[in-house]
Amino acid sequence: MKRIILFLLVSTSAVGSVYAHKGADSVRLNIVGGHAGYCVSWVTSCGLRSSARSGYEAGVTDRIRLTGRLPLHLRTGASFISKGYEISGFDDSRTTMRYIQIPVAVDYTVAVTRNLSLIPFAGLYYAVGVGGKRKAGDTTVPIFGKRGGFSRHDTGFMCGADAAVGRFVIGADYGMGFIDIDKTDTMYGEGSDKVGYRHVRNRCFVVRAGIIF
């Protein structure tokens, strides 16, 4: 796990997804870059919303041009992202979930000035859990697997926008999970039906910065 985080953070140098369109980039078939950013995540369950937790994201993005006439790109890549949530009141707990996340989206470049572009995008993501834990009182359990009961797999909708200046970019996106990631919560015993531990779905908001390779 530490090796994965170190590799992504070093390789991206704390800069994010790259989206340049002017000059030579306007006709490039592939635009590859790195990104890093800050995220706020939470979950919803049974009509309730948890408290949010801070995390981070780092990875690489590949934008593949879909047509020669329009600045339309398929956006994919891979990111390491740390999500989580907190619950307080009837049951105090903190949960951390770390994923490798792959987006599949479409974006469109809108030139505002010679040097500034806006790039809205929307699509889907798939994420696989690579680590995480839940802490409640003095008890800590791995969040994925038999003891934690959470599925390692998550998928959902994502949308956002970037503002690009030449090779540099800042952006933000929102992700909304489609599936119930808590399948068989066993921390509170078999058959536990406490509100807040069923139909758990991820939510996440990310801001980031980036540069083209």
Foldseek 3Di string as FASTA:
>chain_A
DVVVVVVQCVVQVQFAEWDACPDPNVQDQKFKWKKKWKKWKWKDFPNRTFAIDIWMKIWMKIWGQDDRPFQKTWIWTKMWIKGWGFHDDPFTKTKIWIKIKIWTKMWGWDDPDNFKIKIKMKGKMKIFTDWMWMDTPPDIDTCDDDANQFHRIWMWIKIWMWMGGHFKIKIKMKTKTDFQGRHAGDNPHGPDDDTPRTSIIMIMMIIMMIGTD
